[in-house]
């Protein structure tokens, strides 16, 4: 039996209301695309309710994945 993973908190900020806060890993989503332009994380601001999407470089991807953030891989479009 494995021990439960302790809650991990991430610092974040909302570009709309400029609020700063901490979010648990389950409040964040990470999308990994084929390029840097299509790799991002997202969350909903707990203060104003805005949907926030920010680019995620290699270091951010590493921090979020090791912190237990749910990750989805974006499929490349099919080519003919």
C-alpha atoms as a PDB file:
ATOM      1  CA  UNK A   1       0.000   0.000   0.000  1.00  0.00           C
ATOM      2  CA  UNK A   2       1.395   3.408  -0.961  1.00  0.00           C
ATOM      3  CA  UNK A   3       1.234   6.497   1.208  1.00  0.00           C
ATOM      4  CA  UNK A   4      -1.025   9.320   0.002  1.00  0.00           C
ATOM      5  CA  UNK A   5       0.690  12.190  -1.785  1.00  0.00           C
ATOM      6  CA  UNK A   6       0.691  15.308   0.405  1.00  0.00           C
ATOM      7  CA  UNK A   7      -1.169  18.328  -0.926  1.00  0.00           C
ATOM      8  CA  UNK A   8       1.026  20.474  -3.133  1.00  0.00           C
ATOM      9  CA  UNK A   9       0.282  24.189  -3.453  1.00  0.00           C
ATOM     10  CA  UNK A  10       1.308  26.328  -6.401  1.00  0.00           C
ATOM     11  CA  UNK A  11       1.516  30.109  -6.409  1.00  0.00           C
ATOM     12  CA  UNK A  12      -0.462  31.747  -9.172  1.00  0.00           C
ATOM     13  CA  UNK A  13      -1.800  35.138 -10.214  1.00  0.00           C
ATOM     14  CA  UNK A  14      -4.781  36.299 -12.229  1.00  0.00           C
ATOM     15  CA  UNK A  15      -4.040  38.688 -15.101  1.00  0.00           C
ATOM     16  CA  UNK A  16      -7.635  39.998 -14.991  1.00  0.00           C
ATOM     17  CA  UNK A  17      -8.081  40.996 -11.334  1.00  0.00           C
ATOM     18  CA  UNK A  18      -4.357  40.892 -10.428  1.00  0.00           C
ATOM     19  CA  UNK A  19      -5.068  38.746  -7.391  1.00  0.00           C
ATOM     20  CA  UNK A  20      -2.310  36.449  -6.095  1.00  0.00           C
ATOM     21  CA  UNK A  21      -3.126  33.131  -4.436  1.00  0.00           C
ATOM     22  CA  UNK A  22      -2.127  29.512  -3.944  1.00  0.00           C
ATOM     23  CA  UNK A  23      -3.853  26.665  -5.757  1.00  0.00           C
ATOM     24  CA  UNK A  24      -3.872  22.959  -4.972  1.00  0.00           C
ATOM     25  CA  UNK A  25      -2.734  20.628  -7.746  1.00  0.00           C
ATOM     26  CA  UNK A  26      -6.313  19.561  -8.469  1.00  0.00           C
ATOM     27  CA  UNK A  27      -7.226  23.166  -9.364  1.00  0.00           C
ATOM     28  CA  UNK A  28      -4.737  23.229 -12.249  1.00  0.00           C
ATOM     29  CA  UNK A  29      -4.668  21.488 -15.632  1.00  0.00           C
ATOM     30  CA  UNK A  30      -1.630  21.022 -17.854  1.00  0.00           C
ATOM     31  CA  UNK A  31      -1.838  20.534 -21.613  1.00  0.00           C
ATOM     32  CA  UNK A  32       1.267  19.346 -23.440  1.00  0.00           C
ATOM     33  CA  UNK A  33       1.241  20.007 -27.153  1.00  0.00           C
ATOM     34  CA  UNK A  34       3.650  19.416 -29.992  1.00  0.00           C
ATOM     35  CA  UNK A  35       5.331  22.799 -29.520  1.00  0.00           C
ATOM     36  CA  UNK A  36       6.018  25.449 -26.906  1.00  0.00           C
ATOM     37  CA  UNK A  37       3.075  27.439 -28.283  1.00  0.00           C
ATOM     38  CA  UNK A  38       0.668  24.596 -27.579  1.00  0.00           C
ATOM     39  CA  UNK A  39       1.922  23.685 -24.106  1.00  0.00           C
ATOM     40  CA  UNK A  40       0.122  25.534 -21.322  1.00  0.00           C
ATOM     41  CA  UNK A  41      -1.497  25.291 -17.916  1.00  0.00           C
ATOM     42  CA  UNK A  42      -4.877  26.626 -16.944  1.00  0.00           C
ATOM     43  CA  UNK A  43      -6.976  27.360 -13.886  1.00  0.00           C
ATOM     44  CA  UNK A  44      -9.983  29.374 -12.758  1.00  0.00           C
ATOM     45  CA  UNK A  45      -9.264  32.433 -10.625  1.00  0.00           C
ATOM     46  CA  UNK A  46     -10.789  31.819  -7.185  1.00  0.00           C
ATOM     47  CA  UNK A  47     -11.424  35.571  -6.725  1.00  0.00           C
ATOM     48  CA  UNK A  48     -13.004  36.749  -9.988  1.00  0.00           C
ATOM     49  CA  UNK A  49     -13.832  33.447 -11.732  1.00  0.00           C
ATOM     50  CA  UNK A  50     -11.827  34.220 -14.880  1.00  0.00           C
ATOM     51  CA  UNK A  51     -10.463  31.315 -16.924  1.00  0.00           C
ATOM     52  CA  UNK A  52      -6.702  31.748 -17.024  1.00  0.00           C
ATOM     53  CA  UNK A  53      -4.354  30.096 -19.521  1.00  0.00           C
ATOM     54  CA  UNK A  54      -0.581  30.572 -19.313  1.00  0.00           C
ATOM     55  CA  UNK A  55       2.305  29.139 -21.333  1.00  0.00           C
ATOM     56  CA  UNK A  56       4.308  26.347 -19.702  1.00  0.00           C
ATOM     57  CA  UNK A  57       7.985  25.946 -20.449  1.00  0.00           C
ATOM     58  CA  UNK A  58       9.999  22.850 -19.602  1.00  0.00           C
ATOM     59  CA  UNK A  59      10.593  23.843 -15.966  1.00  0.00           C
ATOM     60  CA  UNK A  60       6.903  24.601 -15.341  1.00  0.00           C
ATOM     61  CA  UNK A  61       5.898  21.290 -16.961  1.00  0.00           C
ATOM     62  CA  UNK A  62       8.338  19.462 -14.680  1.00  0.00           C
ATOM     63  CA  UNK A  63       7.088  21.229 -11.534  1.00  0.00           C
ATOM     64  CA  UNK A  64       3.420  20.691 -12.337  1.00  0.00           C
ATOM     65  CA  UNK A  65       3.750  17.029 -13.290  1.00  0.00           C
ATOM     66  CA  UNK A  66       5.822  16.130 -10.225  1.00  0.00           C
ATOM     67  CA  UNK A  67       3.331  18.080  -8.110  1.00  0.00           C
ATOM     68  CA  UNK A  68       0.440  15.889  -9.229  1.00  0.00           C
ATOM     69  CA  UNK A  69      -1.306  18.233 -11.685  1.00  0.00           C
ATOM     70  CA  UNK A  70      -3.523  16.371 -14.148  1.00  0.00           C
ATOM     71  CA  UNK A  71      -1.940  16.360 -17.582  1.00  0.00           C
ATOM     72  CA  UNK A  72      -3.310  15.806 -21.045  1.00  0.00           C
ATOM     73  CA  UNK A  73      -1.321  15.357 -24.219  1.00  0.00           C
ATOM     74  CA  UNK A  74      -2.696  17.183 -27.225  1.00  0.00           C
ATOM     75  CA  UNK A  75      -2.775  15.110 -30.403  1.00  0.00           C
ATOM     76  CA  UNK A  76      -1.161  16.372 -33.544  1.00  0.00           C
ATOM     77  CA  UNK A  77      -3.550  16.981 -36.410  1.00  0.00           C
ATOM     78  CA  UNK A  78      -3.564  14.189 -38.983  1.00  0.00           C
ATOM     79  CA  UNK A  79      -1.778  14.930 -42.235  1.00  0.00           C
ATOM     80  CA  UNK A  80      -2.771  13.539 -45.602  1.00  0.00           C
END
